[in-house]
Amino acid sequence: MTRNHRVWYPGAIYHITARGNRKNNLFRDRKDFIHYLGLVQRAKEKTPFTLHSYCLMPNHVHLIIGTLDNSPSDIIHYIHSIYARYFNRKYNYVGHVFQDRYYAKLINNSKQLIDTSSYIHLNPVKSKYSKQPEDYHWSSYKSFITAGYKSIVDTQKILSNLGDHPYEKYKFYVETKFNIKDWNQRI
């Protein structure tokens, strides 16, 4: 069976997701998360792209990337092939670490970009890993609500759509759009 051809052009923005094989965890300890983020940083240097937003969950990843001169396939292949070798060596495994091919959804406009970013930042809350998105350590959410917060993400494209006081507006948007208080009552 042939794979569907993915649309790619310089400047395209994608929501990338990838899951652990058989839904197993990709990250088992703090060092695994750190190693993956280090690979993302290295990939930004080797195959330049813009990382707009991210969230690393124990068994899957969400990345919003903007391409420059390299396709998403080049970028993700670099990150995931090195991470898979690291993971298999560390845990004495053989075979696939990631389930299937990564998923890439083309983001077509600013509204979709903000919605996707807020969706991935609320993923830890929805999955009951934290009560508030700012409490989850392995996402870029703090970069969007705290001016001057050091991170590997470029928040400019998303926050520039929010006008004055973008950090406060992004936080308000995330918390009200997805009604975070209702989710916390279920925890």
N, C-alpha and C. Protein backbone atom coordinates (compact mmCIF):
# COMPACT_ATOMS: atom_id res chain seq x y z
N MET A 1 0.85 -1.17 0.00
CA MET A 1 0.00 0.00 0.00
C MET A 1 0.89 1.23 0.00
N THR A 2 0.56 2.22 -0.81
CA THR A 2 1.35 3.45 -0.87
C THR A 2 0.86 4.45 0.17
N ARG A 3 1.77 5.29 0.59
CA ARG A 3 1.42 6.33 1.55
C ARG A 3 0.88 7.55 0.81
N ASN A 4 -0.01 8.26 1.46
CA ASN A 4 -0.49 9.52 0.90
C ASN A 4 0.64 10.53 0.92
N HIS A 5 0.75 11.28 -0.15
CA HIS A 5 1.76 12.32 -0.25
C HIS A 5 1.36 13.49 0.66
N ARG A 6 2.30 13.96 1.45
CA ARG A 6 2.03 15.09 2.33
C ARG A 6 2.33 16.39 1.61
N VAL A 7 1.46 17.35 1.81
CA VAL A 7 1.66 18.67 1.23
C VAL A 7 2.73 19.38 2.05
N TRP A 8 3.71 19.92 1.37
CA TRP A 8 4.74 20.70 2.05
C TRP A 8 5.19 21.84 1.15
N TYR A 9 5.37 22.99 1.77
CA TYR A 9 5.97 24.15 1.11
C TYR A 9 6.63 24.99 2.18
N PRO A 10 7.69 25.71 1.84
CA PRO A 10 8.35 26.56 2.83
C PRO A 10 7.36 27.56 3.44
N GLY A 11 7.38 27.65 4.75
CA GLY A 11 6.47 28.55 5.45
C GLY A 11 5.21 27.86 5.96
N ALA A 12 5.00 26.62 5.59
CA ALA A 12 3.82 25.88 6.07
C ALA A 12 3.97 25.60 7.56
N ILE A 13 2.85 25.56 8.26
CA ILE A 13 2.83 25.27 9.69
C ILE A 13 2.01 24.00 9.90
N TYR A 14 2.53 23.12 10.74
CA TYR A 14 1.90 21.81 10.97
C TYR A 14 1.75 21.52 12.45
N HIS A 15 0.66 20.82 12.76
CA HIS A 15 0.51 20.20 14.08
C HIS A 15 0.97 18.76 13.90
N ILE A 16 2.09 18.44 14.52
CA ILE A 16 2.69 17.11 14.43
C ILE A 16 2.34 16.34 15.70
N THR A 17 1.89 15.11 15.52
CA THR A 17 1.68 14.22 16.66
C THR A 17 2.32 12.88 16.36
N ALA A 18 2.84 12.26 17.40
CA ALA A 18 3.42 10.93 17.28
C ALA A 18 3.19 10.21 18.61
N ARG A 19 2.87 8.95 18.51
CA ARG A 19 2.53 8.15 19.69
C ARG A 19 3.54 7.02 19.86
N GLY A 20 3.72 6.61 21.11
CA GLY A 20 4.58 5.47 21.39
C GLY A 20 3.98 4.20 20.81
N ASN A 21 4.83 3.29 20.39
CA ASN A 21 4.39 2.03 19.81
C ASN A 21 3.47 1.29 20.79
N ARG A 22 2.36 0.82 20.27
CA ARG A 22 1.33 0.14 21.09
C ARG A 22 0.85 1.01 22.25
N LYS A 23 0.92 2.33 22.05
CA LYS A 23 0.52 3.33 23.05
C LYS A 23 1.38 3.27 24.31
N ASN A 24 2.57 2.67 24.20
CA ASN A 24 3.49 2.63 25.33
C ASN A 24 4.12 4.00 25.54
N ASN A 25 4.65 4.21 26.73
CA ASN A 25 5.29 5.48 27.04
C ASN A 25 6.55 5.70 26.22
N LEU A 26 6.69 6.92 25.74
CA LEU A 26 7.90 7.36 25.07
C LEU A 26 8.90 7.92 26.08
N PHE A 27 8.36 8.40 27.19
CA PHE A 27 9.17 9.06 28.22
C PHE A 27 8.90 8.37 29.54
N ARG A 28 9.94 7.85 30.15
CA ARG A 28 9.78 7.11 31.40
C ARG A 28 10.34 7.87 32.60
N ASP A 29 11.22 8.81 32.32
CA ASP A 29 11.76 9.62 33.42
C ASP A 29 12.13 11.01 32.88
N ARG A 30 12.52 11.86 33.78
CA ARG A 30 12.85 13.24 33.45
C ARG A 30 13.93 13.34 32.36
N LYS A 31 14.92 12.46 32.42
CA LYS A 31 16.00 12.49 31.44
C LYS A 31 15.49 12.23 30.02
N ASP A 32 14.46 11.40 29.89
CA ASP A 32 13.90 11.13 28.56
C ASP A 32 13.26 12.39 27.97
N PHE A 33 12.50 13.10 28.77
CA PHE A 33 11.90 14.35 28.30
C PHE A 33 12.99 15.35 27.90
N ILE A 34 13.98 15.48 28.75
CA ILE A 34 15.08 16.41 28.49
C ILE A 34 15.83 16.03 27.21
N HIS A 35 16.06 14.74 27.04
CA HIS A 35 16.78 14.29 25.84
C HIS A 35 15.98 14.62 24.58
N TYR A 36 14.68 14.37 24.60
CA TYR A 36 13.84 14.66 23.43
C TYR A 36 13.87 16.16 23.11
N LEU A 37 13.71 17.00 24.12
CA LEU A 37 13.74 18.45 23.89
C LEU A 37 15.12 18.89 23.39
N GLY A 38 16.16 18.26 23.86
CA GLY A 38 17.50 18.55 23.35
C GLY A 38 17.62 18.20 21.87
N LEU A 39 16.99 17.11 21.46
CA LEU A 39 16.99 16.73 20.05
C LEU A 39 16.20 17.72 19.21
N VAL A 40 15.11 18.22 19.76
CA VAL A 40 14.33 19.25 19.04
C VAL A 40 15.22 20.48 18.82
N GLN A 41 15.94 20.88 19.86
CA GLN A 41 16.84 22.03 19.73
C GLN A 41 17.93 21.76 18.69
N ARG A 42 18.52 20.58 18.72
CA ARG A 42 19.54 20.22 17.72
C ARG A 42 18.95 20.20 16.32
N ALA A 43 17.74 19.71 16.19
CA ALA A 43 17.08 19.67 14.88
C ALA A 43 16.85 21.08 14.35
N LYS A 44 16.53 22.02 15.25
CA LYS A 44 16.34 23.41 14.83
C LYS A 44 17.62 23.99 14.26
N GLU A 45 18.76 23.52 14.73
CA GLU A 45 20.05 23.99 14.23
C GLU A 45 20.43 23.27 12.93
N LYS A 46 20.16 21.97 12.85
CA LYS A 46 20.55 21.16 11.70
C LYS A 46 19.59 21.32 10.52
N THR A 47 18.31 21.29 10.79
CA THR A 47 17.27 21.42 9.76
C THR A 47 16.34 22.55 10.20
N PRO A 48 16.75 23.79 10.04
CA PRO A 48 16.04 24.93 10.65
C PRO A 48 14.52 24.93 10.42
N PHE A 49 13.82 25.20 11.51
CA PHE A 49 12.37 25.34 11.52
C PHE A 49 12.00 26.18 12.72
N THR A 50 10.76 26.60 12.77
CA THR A 50 10.26 27.35 13.91
C THR A 50 9.40 26.43 14.75
N LEU A 51 9.70 26.34 16.03
CA LEU A 51 8.87 25.59 16.96
C LEU A 51 7.92 26.59 17.60
N HIS A 52 6.65 26.51 17.25
CA HIS A 52 5.66 27.46 17.76
C HIS A 52 5.09 27.05 19.11
N SER A 53 5.00 25.76 19.35
CA SER A 53 4.37 25.27 20.56
C SER A 53 4.66 23.79 20.70
N TYR A 54 4.65 23.27 21.93
CA TYR A 54 4.83 21.83 22.11
C TYR A 54 4.22 21.37 23.43
N CYS A 55 3.96 20.07 23.48
CA CYS A 55 3.60 19.40 24.72
C CYS A 55 4.03 17.94 24.58
N LEU A 56 4.84 17.49 25.53
CA LEU A 56 5.29 16.11 25.56
C LEU A 56 4.52 15.38 26.64
N MET A 57 3.68 14.47 26.22
CA MET A 57 2.93 13.63 27.16
C MET A 57 3.70 12.33 27.32
N PRO A 58 3.44 11.57 28.38
CA PRO A 58 4.22 10.34 28.56
C PRO A 58 4.22 9.40 27.34
N ASN A 59 3.08 9.27 26.65
CA ASN A 59 3.04 8.32 25.53
C ASN A 59 2.87 8.94 24.15
N HIS A 60 2.89 10.26 24.07
CA HIS A 60 2.81 10.91 22.75
C HIS A 60 3.35 12.33 22.81
N VAL A 61 3.60 12.87 21.62
CA VAL A 61 4.11 14.24 21.51
C VAL A 61 3.22 15.07 20.62
N HIS A 62 3.18 16.36 20.92
CA HIS A 62 2.54 17.37 20.08
C HIS A 62 3.57 18.45 19.80
N LEU A 63 3.76 18.76 18.54
CA LEU A 63 4.64 19.85 18.15
C LEU A 63 3.91 20.69 17.12
N ILE A 64 4.01 21.99 17.22
CA ILE A 64 3.55 22.87 16.14
C ILE A 64 4.82 23.46 15.54
N ILE A 65 5.07 23.09 14.29
CA ILE A 65 6.30 23.55 13.64
C ILE A 65 5.98 24.35 12.38
N GLY A 66 6.80 25.34 12.15
CA GLY A 66 6.75 26.11 10.91
C GLY A 66 7.98 25.78 10.11
N THR A 67 7.78 25.34 8.88
CA THR A 67 8.91 24.92 8.05
C THR A 67 9.57 26.12 7.39
N LEU A 68 10.84 25.95 7.10
CA LEU A 68 11.61 26.95 6.36
C LEU A 68 12.06 26.30 5.05
N ASP A 69 13.21 25.63 5.08
CA ASP A 69 13.74 24.99 3.88
C ASP A 69 13.69 23.47 3.94
N ASN A 70 13.22 22.92 5.04
CA ASN A 70 13.17 21.46 5.22
C ASN A 70 11.73 21.02 5.45
N SER A 71 11.40 19.86 4.91
CA SER A 71 10.05 19.33 5.07
C SER A 71 9.86 18.81 6.50
N PRO A 72 8.62 18.67 6.93
CA PRO A 72 8.38 18.07 8.25
C PRO A 72 8.99 16.66 8.34
N SER A 73 8.99 15.93 7.24
CA SER A 73 9.58 14.59 7.25
C SER A 73 11.06 14.63 7.61
N ASP A 74 11.81 15.58 7.04
CA ASP A 74 13.23 15.71 7.38
C ASP A 74 13.41 16.01 8.86
N ILE A 75 12.61 16.91 9.36
CA ILE A 75 12.72 17.36 10.75
C ILE A 75 12.39 16.23 11.72
N ILE A 76 11.23 15.61 11.53
CA ILE A 76 10.77 14.56 12.45
C ILE A 76 11.65 13.32 12.32
N HIS A 77 12.07 12.99 11.12
CA HIS A 77 12.96 11.83 10.97
C HIS A 77 14.23 12.03 11.78
N TYR A 78 14.80 13.21 11.72
CA TYR A 78 16.01 13.50 12.48
C TYR A 78 15.77 13.29 13.98
N ILE A 79 14.72 13.90 14.50
CA ILE A 79 14.44 13.83 15.94
C ILE A 79 14.11 12.39 16.35
N HIS A 80 13.20 11.76 15.65
CA HIS A 80 12.69 10.46 16.09
C HIS A 80 13.66 9.31 15.86
N SER A 81 14.46 9.38 14.82
CA SER A 81 15.43 8.29 14.62
C SER A 81 16.49 8.31 15.72
N ILE A 82 16.97 9.48 16.08
CA ILE A 82 17.96 9.57 17.15
C ILE A 82 17.34 9.22 18.49
N TYR A 83 16.11 9.70 18.73
CA TYR A 83 15.46 9.38 20.01
C TYR A 83 15.20 7.88 20.13
N ALA A 84 14.78 7.23 19.05
CA ALA A 84 14.50 5.79 19.09
C ALA A 84 15.77 5.01 19.43
N ARG A 85 16.90 5.39 18.86
CA ARG A 85 18.17 4.72 19.20
C ARG A 85 18.51 4.93 20.68
N TYR A 86 18.34 6.15 21.15
CA TYR A 86 18.58 6.46 22.57
C TYR A 86 17.68 5.60 23.47
N PHE A 87 16.39 5.58 23.16
CA PHE A 87 15.40 4.87 23.98
C PHE A 87 15.70 3.37 23.99
N ASN A 88 15.91 2.79 22.82
CA ASN A 88 16.18 1.35 22.74
C ASN A 88 17.47 0.97 23.46
N ARG A 89 18.47 1.80 23.35
CA ARG A 89 19.74 1.54 24.05
C ARG A 89 19.54 1.66 25.56
N LYS A 90 18.88 2.70 25.99
CA LYS A 90 18.69 2.94 27.43
C LYS A 90 17.87 1.83 28.08
N TYR A 91 16.79 1.38 27.41
CA TYR A 91 15.89 0.40 28.01
C TYR A 91 16.09 -1.02 27.49
N ASN A 92 17.17 -1.22 26.71
CA ASN A 92 17.52 -2.53 26.18
C ASN A 92 16.37 -3.14 25.37
N TYR A 93 15.81 -2.32 24.48
CA TYR A 93 14.73 -2.76 23.60
C TYR A 93 15.24 -2.86 22.17
N VAL A 94 14.44 -3.54 21.36
CA VAL A 94 14.69 -3.65 19.93
C VAL A 94 13.39 -3.33 19.21
N GLY A 95 13.47 -2.65 18.08
CA GLY A 95 12.28 -2.41 17.28
C GLY A 95 11.78 -0.99 17.36
N HIS A 96 10.54 -0.84 16.91
CA HIS A 96 9.93 0.48 16.80
C HIS A 96 9.64 1.09 18.16
N VAL A 97 9.94 2.36 18.29
CA VAL A 97 9.60 3.12 19.50
C VAL A 97 8.31 3.90 19.24
N PHE A 98 8.18 4.42 18.02
CA PHE A 98 7.00 5.19 17.65
C PHE A 98 6.02 4.32 16.87
N GLN A 99 4.74 4.52 17.17
CA GLN A 99 3.69 3.77 16.49
C GLN A 99 3.38 4.43 15.15
N ASP A 100 3.46 3.67 14.09
CA ASP A 100 3.12 4.17 12.76
C ASP A 100 3.96 5.40 12.39
N ARG A 101 3.53 6.03 11.37
CA ARG A 101 4.14 7.25 10.87
C ARG A 101 3.58 8.42 11.69
N TYR A 102 4.36 9.45 11.87
CA TYR A 102 3.84 10.61 12.60
C TYR A 102 2.68 11.21 11.80
N TYR A 103 1.82 11.93 12.50
CA TYR A 103 0.66 12.57 11.88
C TYR A 103 0.96 14.05 11.74
N ALA A 104 0.64 14.63 10.60
CA ALA A 104 0.87 16.06 10.37
C ALA A 104 -0.39 16.69 9.81
N LYS A 105 -0.91 17.67 10.53
CA LYS A 105 -2.09 18.40 10.05
C LYS A 105 -1.64 19.81 9.69
N LEU A 106 -1.91 20.21 8.47
CA LEU A 106 -1.56 21.54 8.00
C LEU A 106 -2.45 22.57 8.71
N ILE A 107 -1.83 23.61 9.23
CA ILE A 107 -2.56 24.69 9.89
C ILE A 107 -2.71 25.82 8.87
N ASN A 108 -3.94 26.21 8.61
CA ASN A 108 -4.24 27.12 7.50
C ASN A 108 -4.40 28.59 7.86
N ASN A 109 -4.62 28.90 9.14
CA ASN A 109 -4.86 30.30 9.49
C ASN A 109 -4.53 30.55 10.96
N SER A 110 -4.56 31.82 11.36
CA SER A 110 -4.19 32.22 12.72
C SER A 110 -5.14 31.65 13.77
N LYS A 111 -6.40 31.60 13.47
CA LYS A 111 -7.39 31.05 14.43
C LYS A 111 -7.09 29.57 14.69
N GLN A 112 -6.84 28.82 13.64
CA GLN A 112 -6.52 27.40 13.79
C GLN A 112 -5.21 27.23 14.55
N LEU A 113 -4.25 28.11 14.34
CA LEU A 113 -2.98 28.05 15.04
C LEU A 113 -3.17 28.26 16.55
N ILE A 114 -3.93 29.27 16.92
CA ILE A 114 -4.18 29.54 18.34
C ILE A 114 -4.99 28.41 18.97
N ASP A 115 -6.01 27.93 18.26
CA ASP A 115 -6.82 26.82 18.79
C ASP A 115 -5.99 25.57 19.00
N THR A 116 -5.12 25.25 18.05
CA THR A 116 -4.29 24.06 18.16
C THR A 116 -3.30 24.19 19.30
N SER A 117 -2.70 25.36 19.44
CA SER A 117 -1.76 25.59 20.53
C SER A 117 -2.46 25.46 21.88
N SER A 118 -3.62 26.05 22.01
CA SER A 118 -4.33 25.94 23.28
C SER A 118 -4.79 24.51 23.55
N TYR A 119 -5.18 23.79 22.51
CA TYR A 119 -5.55 22.38 22.66
C TYR A 119 -4.38 21.56 23.22
N ILE A 120 -3.20 21.74 22.63
CA ILE A 120 -2.08 20.93 23.11
C ILE A 120 -1.63 21.35 24.50
N HIS A 121 -1.79 22.63 24.85
CA HIS A 121 -1.41 23.06 26.19
C HIS A 121 -2.39 22.56 27.25
N LEU A 122 -3.60 22.25 26.84
CA LEU A 122 -4.57 21.71 27.79
C LEU A 122 -4.56 20.18 27.84
N ASN A 123 -3.78 19.56 26.99
CA ASN A 123 -3.71 18.11 26.96
C ASN A 123 -3.37 17.49 28.31
N PRO A 124 -2.40 18.03 29.07
CA PRO A 124 -2.10 17.45 30.39
C PRO A 124 -3.26 17.57 31.38
N VAL A 125 -4.05 18.63 31.25
CA VAL A 125 -5.20 18.82 32.14
C VAL A 125 -6.29 17.82 31.76
N LYS A 126 -6.57 17.72 30.49
CA LYS A 126 -7.60 16.79 30.01
C LYS A 126 -7.23 15.36 30.36
N SER A 127 -5.94 15.04 30.32
CA SER A 127 -5.47 13.68 30.63
C SER A 127 -5.21 13.48 32.12
N LYS A 128 -5.50 14.50 32.93
CA LYS A 128 -5.39 14.46 34.38
C LYS A 128 -3.96 14.30 34.90
N TYR A 129 -3.00 14.87 34.16
CA TYR A 129 -1.62 14.92 34.65
C TYR A 129 -1.37 16.17 35.47
N SER A 130 -2.24 17.18 35.31
CA SER A 130 -2.12 18.39 36.12
C SER A 130 -3.49 19.06 36.18
N LYS A 131 -3.65 19.91 37.19
CA LYS A 131 -4.92 20.63 37.32
C LYS A 131 -4.95 21.90 36.51
N GLN A 132 -3.78 22.49 36.31
CA GLN A 132 -3.65 23.71 35.52
C GLN A 132 -2.56 23.48 34.47
N PRO A 133 -2.71 24.05 33.28
CA PRO A 133 -1.69 23.83 32.26
C PRO A 133 -0.31 24.35 32.65
N GLU A 134 -0.24 25.40 33.46
CA GLU A 134 1.07 25.93 33.86
C GLU A 134 1.79 25.02 34.85
N ASP A 135 1.09 24.05 35.42
CA ASP A 135 1.71 23.11 36.36
C ASP A 135 2.43 21.96 35.65
N TYR A 136 2.17 21.78 34.37
CA TYR A 136 2.79 20.67 33.63
C TYR A 136 4.13 21.13 33.07
N HIS A 137 5.17 20.46 33.45
CA HIS A 137 6.53 20.90 33.14
C HIS A 137 6.93 20.71 31.68
N TRP A 138 6.34 19.76 30.97
CA TRP A 138 6.82 19.37 29.64
C TRP A 138 6.00 19.96 28.51
N SER A 139 5.61 21.20 28.67
CA SER A 139 4.92 21.91 27.59
C SER A 139 5.47 23.33 27.51
N SER A 140 5.10 24.01 26.44
CA SER A 140 5.57 25.38 26.24
C SER A 140 4.60 26.42 26.80
N TYR A 141 3.61 25.99 27.55
CA TYR A 141 2.56 26.91 28.01
C TYR A 141 3.12 28.11 28.78
N LYS A 142 4.08 27.89 29.66
CA LYS A 142 4.62 29.00 30.46
C LYS A 142 5.22 30.09 29.58
N SER A 143 5.72 29.72 28.41
CA SER A 143 6.27 30.71 27.47
C SER A 143 5.19 31.65 26.95
N PHE A 144 3.95 31.19 26.97
CA PHE A 144 2.84 31.97 26.43
C PHE A 144 2.14 32.81 27.49
N ILE A 145 2.43 32.58 28.75
CA ILE A 145 1.75 33.34 29.80
C ILE A 145 2.71 34.15 30.66
N THR A 146 4.03 34.02 30.39
CA THR A 146 5.04 34.71 31.19
C THR A 146 6.02 35.44 30.27
N ALA A 147 5.99 36.75 30.30
CA ALA A 147 6.93 37.53 29.49
C ALA A 147 8.36 37.22 29.91
N GLY A 148 9.22 37.01 28.94
CA GLY A 148 10.63 36.77 29.22
C GLY A 148 10.97 35.36 29.63
N TYR A 149 10.03 34.45 29.62
CA TYR A 149 10.30 33.06 30.00
C TYR A 149 11.19 32.41 28.95
N LYS A 150 12.30 31.82 29.37
CA LYS A 150 13.26 31.19 28.45
C LYS A 150 12.70 29.85 27.96
N SER A 151 12.74 29.66 26.65
CA SER A 151 12.21 28.44 26.07
C SER A 151 12.76 28.23 24.67
N ILE A 152 12.57 27.05 24.13
CA ILE A 152 13.00 26.77 22.76
C ILE A 152 11.92 27.15 21.74
N VAL A 153 10.78 27.63 22.21
CA VAL A 153 9.70 28.00 21.29
C VAL A 153 9.77 29.47 20.90
N ASP A 154 9.20 29.76 19.76
CA ASP A 154 9.03 31.12 19.29
C ASP A 154 7.54 31.44 19.40
N THR A 155 7.18 32.23 20.38
CA THR A 155 5.77 32.53 20.64
C THR A 155 5.23 33.67 19.79
N GLN A 156 6.10 34.36 19.08
CA GLN A 156 5.75 35.59 18.38
C GLN A 156 4.55 35.44 17.45
N LYS A 157 4.54 34.42 16.61
CA LYS A 157 3.47 34.28 15.61
C LYS A 157 2.10 34.12 16.28
N ILE A 158 2.05 33.36 17.34
CA ILE A 158 0.77 33.14 18.03
C ILE A 158 0.38 34.38 18.84
N LEU A 159 1.30 34.90 19.65
CA LEU A 159 0.96 36.03 20.51
C LEU A 159 0.73 37.32 19.73
N SER A 160 1.33 37.46 18.56
CA SER A 160 1.15 38.69 17.77
C SER A 160 -0.29 38.88 17.30
N ASN A 161 -1.06 37.82 17.31
CA ASN A 161 -2.47 37.90 16.91
C ASN A 161 -3.38 38.37 18.03
N LEU A 162 -2.83 38.58 19.22
CA LEU A 162 -3.67 38.89 20.38
C LEU A 162 -3.64 40.34 20.81
N GLY A 163 -2.89 41.19 20.14
CA GLY A 163 -2.89 42.62 20.45
C GLY A 163 -2.17 42.93 21.75
N ASP A 164 -2.68 43.97 22.47
CA ASP A 164 -2.09 44.38 23.74
C ASP A 164 -2.27 43.30 24.79
N HIS A 165 -1.32 43.18 25.70
CA HIS A 165 -1.34 42.21 26.80
C HIS A 165 -1.56 40.78 26.31
N PRO A 166 -0.73 40.32 25.36
CA PRO A 166 -0.96 39.00 24.76
C PRO A 166 -0.83 37.83 25.74
N TYR A 167 0.04 37.96 26.76
CA TYR A 167 0.21 36.85 27.71
C TYR A 167 -1.06 36.62 28.51
N GLU A 168 -1.66 37.70 28.97
CA GLU A 168 -2.90 37.59 29.72
C GLU A 168 -4.04 37.09 28.83
N LYS A 169 -4.08 37.59 27.60
CA LYS A 169 -5.14 37.17 26.68
C LYS A 169 -5.01 35.70 26.30
N TYR A 170 -3.79 35.23 26.11
CA TYR A 170 -3.62 33.82 25.77
C TYR A 170 -4.09 32.94 26.93
N LYS A 171 -3.69 33.28 28.14
CA LYS A 171 -4.10 32.52 29.32
C LYS A 171 -5.63 32.51 29.44
N PHE A 172 -6.25 33.67 29.28
CA PHE A 172 -7.70 33.77 29.35
C PHE A 172 -8.35 32.91 28.26
N TYR A 173 -7.82 33.00 27.06
CA TYR A 173 -8.36 32.25 25.92
C TYR A 173 -8.31 30.74 26.19
N VAL A 174 -7.16 30.27 26.64
CA VAL A 174 -7.00 28.84 26.90
C VAL A 174 -7.97 28.38 27.99
N GLU A 175 -8.00 29.11 29.09
CA GLU A 175 -8.80 28.67 30.22
C GLU A 175 -10.30 28.78 29.98
N THR A 176 -10.73 29.74 29.19
CA THR A 176 -12.17 29.88 28.97
C THR A 176 -12.66 29.08 27.77
N LYS A 177 -11.86 29.01 26.73
CA LYS A 177 -12.29 28.28 25.51
C LYS A 177 -12.59 26.82 25.81
N PHE A 178 -11.76 26.22 26.62
CA PHE A 178 -11.92 24.80 26.90
C PHE A 178 -12.48 24.51 28.29
N ASN A 179 -12.94 25.55 28.96
CA ASN A 179 -13.60 25.43 30.25
C ASN A 179 -12.83 24.54 31.23
N ILE A 180 -11.65 24.97 31.57
CA ILE A 180 -10.74 24.22 32.43
C ILE A 180 -11.34 23.90 33.80
N LYS A 181 -12.18 24.76 34.31
CA LYS A 181 -12.75 24.52 35.63
C LYS A 181 -13.61 23.25 35.66
N ASP A 182 -14.34 22.98 34.58
CA ASP A 182 -15.14 21.75 34.52
C ASP A 182 -14.25 20.52 34.52
N TRP A 183 -13.11 20.57 33.84
CA TRP A 183 -12.20 19.43 33.82
C TRP A 183 -11.64 19.18 35.21
N ASN A 184 -11.32 20.24 35.94
CA ASN A 184 -10.73 20.08 37.28
C ASN A 184 -11.70 19.48 38.27
N GLN A 185 -12.99 19.69 38.07
CA GLN A 185 -13.97 19.09 38.97
C GLN A 185 -14.01 17.57 38.81
N ARG A 186 -13.58 17.06 37.68
CA ARG A 186 -13.59 15.63 37.43
C ARG A 186 -12.37 14.93 38.00
N ILE A 187 -11.35 15.70 38.35
CA ILE A 187 -10.11 15.08 38.86
C ILE A 187 -10.30 14.63 40.30
